[in-house]
Amino acid sequence: MKRGCFFALTVFFSGITVASPDRDTAAVWKLQVRINATSGQASLPIASPGIFNAVAIKLPSGALQSGNWTCAAGKRHTTLTRDEHAPNTSSDLSNLWVLSQPDSLLSLEYRGQPLTAEITAIFLWVPPLSETQHMSAEKRADCSAPGLISQSVWRSGLPAPVPGRSATPTHHCIIHHSGENNGDTNYTQIVRSYYTYHTTVNGWDDIGYNYLVAANGTVYAGRDPEKAGIRQDNVLGAHFCGKNNFTMGVCVIGNFSSAQPDSLAIQSLEKLLAWKIHQDTLNPYGQFKHPDNAGSWLDVIAGHRQGCATECPGDKLFARIPAIRDAIAPCALVTAVYTGSNNQQPQLKWTQGHLKLLNSDTPLQAELTDPAGRLLWKGRVAASPQLVPLAGPVIYRLSVTPSLVLSGWLIPE
């Protein structure tokens, strides 16, 4: 088989302390190489300057296409996928691949169009913890907070984040996937690696997400609130393409473009979101305008792709979001989501099959749909009750003005 040429150009070190062979200290190395794949294929063995247990590849913009780059270390291999959270859009950065066993040699394979380019291999050494904690997913009928692995546990031995946290109210719970590490079970090491990557390669103050959920249902507290007055769920993160105000980010570990998420992960995700909507009086079927109530309508429970140019959280996890809304709906405390400035917003009440409009002297146009979005009834509603014989609960959209539509979850009384 004919292979392309390769040769190393430059070696430079970056990030936190390079301390190999001291394996108690985190380290990052960046190794730049040039690939000449004039025949459309090439194989590059790249020796790391030190033992590594996580790696990412930086490529010219547009060079990372679906399935055209694979890498191997030891007996493990993976197909590179683009990190859609990366802050630099002038290049393609792969998702971080966390190894189950450390190595010193990376094999990079390219198959595609003829290519000559400089690439950068980013090697990380993240000291493993001697013992890791896991928490089993619990299916409980109440809406209490789930158990968490705290930052003091999973971040042990790593540098502290850069201080300067701020809080944001939550209008949207944004669901992500990490894009890598299906089947790996050392979840604490994966979270430690993401933190090191986000802070040293992406240049962020801390890990980007508010929470991370492992395949076995373990939930990790993500970005550190730092200050007593900031809650874990309301600390401003870095996960929604620069529009992080009014959002809480939850990352499910794995790539769910074609693989189904584990049932325990879904169970813990539902538990976390059920607690959140109960605590913040959010409607799982509602919408707000985003960002800052000035943009497009965005669901309260939304996938990353609904607000950013990305495939995250993968087709399989994204398809589960309607069912997730249904599962957490019993914890909702409200039957309307208000998107305007008047606290006395119009509302609908449904008693003994009769629909009645509250807080409005003027009749309004309403639509009732089932949770899947199928239209069940539409018409004008007023303060006088009218018979609407439907089985509930249903979702309503109430048109107050052409630019103000209230959506809500309507429960028969």
Protein backbone atom coordinates (compact mmCIF):
# COMPACT_ATOMS: atom_id res chain seq x y z
CA MET A 1 0.00 0.00 0.00
CA LYS A 2 1.34 3.36 -0.96
CA ARG A 3 1.65 5.78 1.95
CA GLY A 4 2.22 9.52 2.17
CA CYS A 5 5.32 11.13 3.63
CA PHE A 6 5.63 12.58 7.09
CA PHE A 7 8.28 14.37 9.10
CA ALA A 8 8.44 16.35 12.33
CA LEU A 9 8.94 20.09 12.03
CA THR A 10 8.72 21.60 15.48
CA VAL A 11 8.37 20.56 19.08
CA PHE A 12 7.13 22.97 21.71
CA PHE A 13 5.70 22.65 25.19
CA SER A 14 2.67 24.44 26.51
CA GLY A 15 0.25 24.52 29.40
CA ILE A 16 0.81 23.45 32.97
CA THR A 17 4.04 22.04 34.37
CA VAL A 18 5.77 19.47 32.20
CA ALA A 19 6.95 17.01 34.78
CA SER A 20 7.54 13.58 33.26
CA PRO A 21 8.49 11.17 34.72
CA ASP A 22 6.85 12.69 37.83
CA ARG A 23 3.42 11.18 37.37
CA ASP A 24 1.89 13.07 40.29
CA THR A 25 1.82 16.31 38.29
CA ALA A 26 -0.40 17.06 35.30
CA ALA A 27 1.39 17.87 32.05
CA VAL A 28 0.56 18.98 28.50
CA TRP A 29 2.79 18.67 25.44
CA LYS A 30 2.11 20.02 21.95
CA LEU A 31 4.01 18.37 19.12
CA GLN A 32 3.75 19.86 15.64
CA VAL A 33 4.27 17.67 12.57
CA ARG A 34 3.77 18.08 8.84
CA ILE A 35 1.84 15.58 6.77
CA ASN A 36 2.31 15.11 3.03
CA ALA A 37 -0.50 12.81 2.00
CA THR A 38 -0.18 13.40 -1.73
CA SER A 39 -1.77 10.04 -2.48
CA GLY A 40 -4.69 10.72 -0.16
CA GLN A 41 -3.47 8.45 2.63
CA ALA A 42 -0.77 8.51 5.26
CA SER A 43 0.33 6.82 8.47
CA LEU A 44 2.15 8.77 11.18
CA PRO A 45 3.68 7.25 14.30
CA ILE A 46 4.08 10.14 16.76
CA ALA A 47 6.16 9.64 19.89
CA SER A 48 5.01 11.78 22.80
CA PRO A 49 7.67 13.66 24.80
CA GLY A 50 6.24 11.91 27.89
CA ILE A 51 3.76 9.27 28.97
CA PHE A 52 0.24 10.39 28.09
CA ASN A 53 -3.27 9.24 28.90
CA ALA A 54 -5.32 11.66 26.76
CA VAL A 55 -4.78 13.19 23.34
CA ALA A 56 -6.38 15.55 20.83
CA ILE A 57 -5.36 16.55 17.30
CA LYS A 58 -5.46 20.08 15.89
CA LEU A 59 -5.87 20.33 12.10
CA PRO A 60 -6.37 23.09 9.53
CA SER A 61 -9.96 24.26 9.20
CA GLY A 62 -12.00 21.80 7.13
CA ALA A 63 -9.41 19.01 7.30
CA LEU A 64 -11.29 16.93 9.86
CA GLN A 65 -14.07 15.26 7.92
CA SER A 66 -16.24 12.36 9.04
CA GLY A 67 -14.19 9.16 9.27
CA ASN A 68 -11.02 10.40 7.56
CA TRP A 69 -8.73 10.42 10.63
CA THR A 70 -8.18 7.58 13.08
CA CYS A 71 -5.65 7.22 15.86
CA ALA A 72 -4.45 4.28 17.93
CA ALA A 73 -2.53 3.83 21.16
CA GLY A 74 -1.74 0.35 22.41
CA LYS A 75 -4.67 -1.90 21.54
CA ARG A 76 -7.22 0.92 21.46
CA HIS A 77 -8.21 3.03 18.48
CA THR A 78 -10.77 5.70 17.74
CA THR A 79 -12.09 7.72 14.81
CA LEU A 80 -11.48 11.41 15.37
CA THR A 81 -14.50 13.68 15.60
CA ARG A 82 -14.52 17.48 15.73
CA ASP A 83 -14.76 19.22 19.11
CA GLU A 84 -17.74 21.48 18.54
CA HIS A 85 -17.10 23.30 21.83
CA ALA A 86 -13.61 24.43 20.81
CA PRO A 87 -13.24 28.24 20.97
CA ASN A 88 -11.05 28.59 17.84
CA THR A 89 -13.05 28.32 14.62
CA SER A 90 -9.99 28.94 12.40
CA SER A 91 -8.87 25.33 12.86
CA ASP A 92 -10.39 21.88 13.47
CA LEU A 93 -9.76 20.46 16.92
CA SER A 94 -10.70 16.87 17.62
CA ASN A 95 -12.59 15.76 20.69
CA LEU A 96 -10.32 14.70 23.52
CA TRP A 97 -9.64 10.96 23.55
CA VAL A 98 -9.04 9.67 27.09
CA LEU A 99 -7.07 6.41 27.14
CA SER A 100 -7.91 3.57 29.49
CA GLN A 101 -4.16 2.80 29.75
CA PRO A 102 -1.25 5.27 29.42
CA ASP A 103 1.04 5.11 26.40
CA SER A 104 3.98 6.92 24.81
CA LEU A 105 3.28 6.34 21.09
CA LEU A 106 0.34 7.51 19.00
CA SER A 107 -0.41 6.14 15.53
CA LEU A 108 -2.33 8.55 13.33
CA GLU A 109 -3.96 7.37 10.09
CA TYR A 110 -5.38 9.56 7.33
CA ARG A 111 -7.60 8.47 4.42
CA GLY A 112 -9.13 11.12 2.19
CA GLN A 113 -8.31 13.69 -0.44
CA PRO A 114 -4.65 14.60 -1.12
CA LEU A 115 -3.50 16.76 1.75
CA THR A 116 -0.38 18.65 2.80
CA ALA A 117 -0.74 20.34 6.15
CA GLU A 118 0.73 21.05 9.54
CA ILE A 119 -1.02 19.34 12.42
CA THR A 120 -0.53 19.47 16.17
CA ALA A 121 -0.77 16.49 18.49
CA ILE A 122 -1.79 17.61 21.98
CA PHE A 123 -0.74 15.06 24.59
CA LEU A 124 -1.96 15.21 28.18
CA TRP A 125 -0.84 13.41 31.29
CA VAL A 126 -3.55 13.65 33.96
CA PRO A 127 -2.57 11.85 37.20
CA PRO A 128 -5.16 9.19 37.99
CA LEU A 129 -6.70 9.01 41.43
CA SER A 130 -5.77 5.93 43.44
CA GLU A 131 -9.45 5.42 44.27
CA THR A 132 -12.48 6.61 42.35
CA GLN A 133 -16.00 7.15 43.57
CA HIS A 134 -19.17 6.19 41.79
CA MET A 135 -22.81 6.73 42.65
CA SER A 136 -25.59 4.51 41.43
CA ALA A 137 -28.48 6.04 39.56
CA GLU A 138 -31.60 6.19 41.69
CA LYS A 139 -35.13 6.12 40.37
CA ARG A 140 -37.07 8.05 43.00
CA ALA A 141 -40.53 9.47 42.78
CA ASP A 142 -39.61 12.70 44.58
CA CYS A 143 -38.00 15.73 42.98
CA SER A 144 -34.99 16.02 45.29
CA ALA A 145 -31.45 16.75 44.14
CA PRO A 146 -29.37 13.82 42.87
CA GLY A 147 -26.17 12.73 44.59
CA LEU A 148 -23.00 14.26 43.12
CA ILE A 149 -19.28 13.60 42.96
CA SER A 150 -17.93 16.97 44.10
CA GLN A 151 -15.02 18.93 42.66
CA SER A 152 -13.02 18.29 45.84
CA VAL A 153 -13.13 14.57 45.00
CA TRP A 154 -12.62 14.38 41.23
CA ARG A 155 -10.26 17.37 41.00
CA SER A 156 -7.95 16.13 43.77
CA GLY A 157 -4.28 16.77 42.96
CA LEU A 158 -5.00 19.02 39.95
CA PRO A 159 -4.48 22.81 39.81
CA ALA A 160 -7.41 24.89 41.04
CA PRO A 161 -9.51 26.77 38.45
CA VAL A 162 -8.91 30.44 37.76
CA PRO A 163 -11.11 32.45 40.18
CA GLY A 164 -13.86 34.83 39.07
CA ARG A 165 -17.17 32.96 38.88
CA SER A 166 -20.50 34.64 38.20
CA ALA A 167 -24.08 33.41 38.42
CA THR A 168 -26.87 33.35 35.86
CA PRO A 169 -30.58 32.54 36.20
CA THR A 170 -31.63 29.43 34.30
CA HIS A 171 -34.14 29.58 31.47
CA HIS A 172 -32.68 26.67 29.49
CA CYS A 173 -31.18 23.32 30.44
CA ILE A 174 -28.83 22.45 27.55
CA ILE A 175 -28.02 18.78 26.93
CA HIS A 176 -24.63 17.86 25.43
CA HIS A 177 -22.60 14.78 24.66
CA SER A 178 -18.82 14.68 25.06
CA GLY A 179 -18.26 13.16 21.59
CA GLU A 180 -15.83 10.44 22.78
CA ASN A 181 -15.14 7.60 25.20
CA ASN A 182 -18.05 5.23 24.64
CA GLY A 183 -17.46 2.08 26.65
CA ASP A 184 -14.78 3.50 28.95
CA THR A 185 -15.59 3.04 32.63
CA ASN A 186 -13.00 5.20 34.45
CA TYR A 187 -15.40 8.11 34.47
CA THR A 188 -13.57 10.13 37.12
CA GLN A 189 -10.40 10.04 35.01
CA ILE A 190 -12.41 11.17 31.98
CA VAL A 191 -13.80 14.15 33.91
CA ARG A 192 -10.31 15.02 35.20
CA SER A 193 -9.02 14.93 31.63
CA TYR A 194 -11.81 17.17 30.33
CA TYR A 195 -11.04 19.67 33.08
CA THR A 196 -7.32 19.68 32.24
CA TYR A 197 -8.10 20.02 28.53
CA HIS A 198 -10.61 22.86 28.99
CA THR A 199 -8.27 24.85 31.23
CA THR A 200 -4.95 24.29 29.44
CA VAL A 201 -5.87 23.84 25.77
CA ASN A 202 -9.13 25.78 25.43
CA GLY A 203 -7.84 28.40 27.84
CA TRP A 204 -11.01 28.47 29.95
CA ASP A 205 -11.05 29.26 33.66
CA ASP A 206 -12.66 25.93 34.52
CA ILE A 207 -14.48 22.97 32.98
CA GLY A 208 -17.25 24.20 30.70
CA TYR A 209 -20.31 22.28 31.99
CA ASN A 210 -22.36 22.64 35.15
CA TYR A 211 -22.72 18.85 35.39
CA LEU A 212 -21.41 15.70 33.72
CA VAL A 213 -23.27 12.38 33.66
CA ALA A 214 -21.47 9.05 33.25
CA ALA A 215 -22.85 5.93 31.57
CA ASN A 216 -23.35 4.22 34.95
CA GLY A 217 -25.46 7.12 36.21
CA THR A 218 -22.79 8.87 38.28
CA VAL A 219 -23.31 12.65 38.24
CA TYR A 220 -20.29 14.95 38.59
CA ALA A 221 -20.45 18.58 39.73
CA GLY A 222 -18.75 20.50 36.91
CA ARG A 223 -17.75 24.17 36.91
CA ASP A 224 -16.89 25.25 40.45
CA PRO A 225 -19.25 27.94 41.85
CA GLU A 226 -16.33 29.15 44.02
CA LYS A 227 -18.48 31.62 46.00
CA ALA A 228 -21.00 30.84 48.71
CA GLY A 229 -23.74 32.83 46.98
CA ILE A 230 -23.55 30.90 43.68
CA ARG A 231 -25.28 27.54 43.26
CA GLN A 232 -23.82 24.69 41.22
CA ASP A 233 -26.74 24.78 38.78
CA ASN A 234 -26.56 28.57 38.30
CA VAL A 235 -22.82 29.14 37.83
CA LEU A 236 -22.21 30.67 34.40
CA GLY A 237 -20.57 28.02 32.20
CA ALA A 238 -18.82 27.80 28.82
CA HIS A 239 -20.77 25.36 26.67
CA PHE A 240 -23.25 27.17 24.40
CA CYS A 241 -21.24 28.91 21.67
CA GLY A 242 -20.74 32.12 23.62
CA LYS A 243 -24.43 32.46 24.57
CA ASN A 244 -24.16 31.00 28.06
CA ASN A 245 -26.34 33.48 29.95
CA PHE A 246 -29.58 31.94 31.22
CA THR A 247 -28.33 28.37 30.57
CA MET A 248 -27.27 25.34 32.58
CA GLY A 249 -25.09 22.84 30.68
CA VAL A 250 -25.21 19.08 31.25
CA CYS A 251 -22.80 16.80 29.38
CA VAL A 252 -23.53 13.08 29.03
CA ILE A 253 -20.19 11.30 28.56
CA GLY A 254 -20.01 9.46 25.23
CA ASN A 255 -20.72 9.90 21.53
CA PHE A 256 -24.38 9.43 20.68
CA SER A 257 -24.36 10.19 16.97
CA SER A 258 -25.12 6.53 16.25
CA ALA A 259 -24.93 4.81 19.66
CA GLN A 260 -27.78 4.91 22.17
CA PRO A 261 -27.06 6.46 25.57
CA ASP A 262 -27.01 4.06 28.50
CA SER A 263 -30.32 3.77 30.37
CA LEU A 264 -28.64 4.60 33.70
CA ALA A 265 -27.24 7.81 32.22
CA ILE A 266 -30.70 8.80 30.98
CA GLN A 267 -32.16 7.97 34.38
CA SER A 268 -29.69 10.25 36.17
CA LEU A 269 -30.11 12.99 33.57
CA GLU A 270 -33.87 12.89 34.16
CA LYS A 271 -33.35 12.97 37.92
CA LEU A 272 -31.08 16.02 37.65
CA LEU A 273 -33.43 17.91 35.31
CA ALA A 274 -36.52 17.00 37.35
CA TRP A 275 -34.92 18.52 40.43
CA LYS A 276 -33.89 21.60 38.45
CA ILE A 277 -37.32 22.38 36.99
CA HIS A 278 -38.91 21.81 40.39
CA GLN A 279 -36.44 24.11 42.16
CA ASP A 280 -36.57 26.91 39.57
CA THR A 281 -40.26 26.62 38.70
CA LEU A 282 -39.49 25.83 35.07
CA ASN A 283 -41.86 24.25 32.58
CA PRO A 284 -40.25 21.32 30.72
CA TYR A 285 -42.49 21.99 27.71
CA GLY A 286 -41.97 25.75 27.75
CA GLN A 287 -39.81 28.13 25.73
CA PHE A 288 -38.00 31.41 26.25
CA LYS A 289 -36.34 33.67 23.72
CA HIS A 290 -32.56 33.33 23.74
CA PRO A 291 -30.18 34.97 24.19
CA ASP A 292 -31.41 37.52 26.72
CA ASN A 293 -35.06 37.27 25.63
CA ALA A 294 -34.16 38.96 22.33
CA GLY A 295 -33.40 36.05 20.01
CA SER A 296 -35.27 33.03 18.72
CA TRP A 297 -37.50 30.77 20.77
CA LEU A 298 -35.51 28.06 22.54
CA ASP A 299 -36.93 25.16 24.54
CA VAL A 300 -36.45 25.06 28.31
CA ILE A 301 -35.11 21.50 27.87
CA ALA A 302 -32.98 21.76 24.71
CA GLY A 303 -30.17 20.07 22.84
CA HIS A 304 -26.95 21.93 22.07
CA ARG A 305 -27.78 21.88 18.34
CA GLN A 306 -30.94 23.93 18.86
CA GLY A 307 -28.91 27.06 19.54
CA CYS A 308 -25.52 26.44 17.91
CA ALA A 309 -24.12 25.11 14.62
CA THR A 310 -23.34 21.61 15.91
CA GLU A 311 -24.54 18.01 15.80
CA CYS A 312 -24.27 17.78 19.60
CA PRO A 313 -25.72 15.94 21.54
CA GLY A 314 -25.80 13.37 18.73
CA ASP A 315 -28.88 12.10 16.90
CA LYS A 316 -29.67 9.31 19.36
CA LEU A 317 -29.55 11.44 22.52
CA PHE A 318 -31.32 14.36 20.84
CA ALA A 319 -34.16 12.03 19.85
CA ARG A 320 -34.66 11.16 23.53
CA ILE A 321 -35.33 14.75 24.63
CA PRO A 322 -39.16 14.66 24.13
CA ALA A 323 -39.34 11.55 26.31
CA ILE A 324 -37.09 13.21 28.89
CA ARG A 325 -39.51 16.15 29.07
CA ASP A 326 -42.39 13.74 29.67
CA ALA A 327 -40.45 11.87 32.37
CA ILE A 328 -39.62 15.01 34.38
CA ALA A 329 -42.97 16.78 33.89
CA PRO A 330 -44.49 15.48 37.18
CA CYS A 331 -41.94 17.64 39.04
CA ALA A 332 -43.04 20.85 37.29
CA LEU A 333 -44.74 23.38 39.56
CA VAL A 334 -46.05 25.74 36.89
CA THR A 335 -48.59 25.61 34.08
CA ALA A 336 -47.19 28.58 32.14
CA VAL A 337 -43.88 30.03 31.09
CA TYR A 338 -43.95 33.81 30.81
CA THR A 339 -41.69 35.54 28.31
CA GLY A 340 -42.65 39.16 28.86
CA SER A 341 -42.20 41.71 31.64
CA ASN A 342 -45.63 41.68 33.31
CA ASN A 343 -45.76 39.30 36.25
CA GLN A 344 -49.57 39.12 36.00
CA GLN A 345 -49.47 37.16 32.78
CA PRO A 346 -52.56 35.63 31.18
CA GLN A 347 -53.02 31.98 32.08
CA LEU A 348 -55.33 29.13 31.25
CA LYS A 349 -57.21 27.04 33.76
CA TRP A 350 -58.88 23.74 32.89
CA THR A 351 -61.47 22.53 35.40
CA GLN A 352 -63.88 19.64 34.83
CA GLY A 353 -63.36 19.81 31.08
CA HIS A 354 -63.94 23.58 30.89
CA LEU A 355 -61.27 26.00 29.71
CA LYS A 356 -61.08 29.47 31.27
CA LEU A 357 -58.78 32.45 30.69
CA LEU A 358 -57.32 34.18 33.74
CA ASN A 359 -55.70 37.63 34.10
CA SER A 360 -57.05 38.99 30.82
CA ASP A 361 -60.25 40.88 30.03
CA THR A 362 -59.64 40.38 26.31
CA PRO A 363 -60.23 36.99 24.62
CA LEU A 364 -57.05 35.44 23.25
CA GLN A 365 -56.20 32.83 20.62
CA ALA A 366 -55.04 29.50 22.04
CA GLU A 367 -53.74 26.19 20.70
CA LEU A 368 -53.67 22.92 22.64
CA THR A 369 -51.27 20.14 21.60
CA ASP A 370 -50.18 16.85 23.06
CA PRO A 371 -46.55 16.50 24.28
CA ALA A 372 -45.53 15.26 20.81
CA GLY A 373 -46.74 18.52 19.24
CA ARG A 374 -49.94 17.18 17.62
CA LEU A 375 -52.70 19.79 17.50
CA LEU A 376 -55.71 18.81 19.64
CA TRP A 377 -57.74 22.02 19.71
CA LYS A 378 -57.50 25.67 18.69
CA GLY A 379 -59.78 28.63 19.21
CA ARG A 380 -60.40 31.77 21.21
CA VAL A 381 -60.55 31.59 24.98
CA ALA A 382 -62.12 34.08 27.40
CA ALA A 383 -62.93 34.59 31.07
CA SER A 384 -66.18 32.66 30.59
CA PRO A 385 -65.57 28.89 30.84
CA GLN A 386 -66.10 26.83 27.69
CA LEU A 387 -66.27 23.07 27.30
CA VAL A 388 -63.11 21.49 25.82
CA PRO A 389 -63.43 17.72 26.43
CA LEU A 390 -59.83 16.50 26.15
CA ALA A 391 -57.72 14.14 28.19
CA GLY A 392 -54.67 15.83 29.73
CA PRO A 393 -52.14 16.98 30.44
CA VAL A 394 -51.68 19.06 27.29
CA ILE A 395 -49.44 21.91 26.13
CA TYR A 396 -50.89 25.30 25.33
CA ARG A 397 -49.68 28.29 23.34
CA LEU A 398 -51.48 31.51 24.14
CA SER A 399 -51.09 34.43 21.68
CA VAL A 400 -51.09 37.66 23.73
CA THR A 401 -49.59 39.86 20.98
CA PRO A 402 -47.95 38.99 17.64
CA SER A 403 -44.57 39.09 19.38
CA LEU A 404 -45.60 37.54 22.72
CA VAL A 405 -46.69 33.93 22.91
CA LEU A 406 -47.00 32.16 26.24
CA SER A 407 -46.49 28.41 26.34
CA GLY A 408 -47.42 26.22 29.22
CA TRP A 409 -48.26 22.82 30.58
CA LEU A 410 -51.97 22.56 31.30
CA ILE A 411 -53.19 19.99 33.83
CA PRO A 412 -56.89 19.23 34.26
CA GLU A 413 -58.22 19.86 37.74
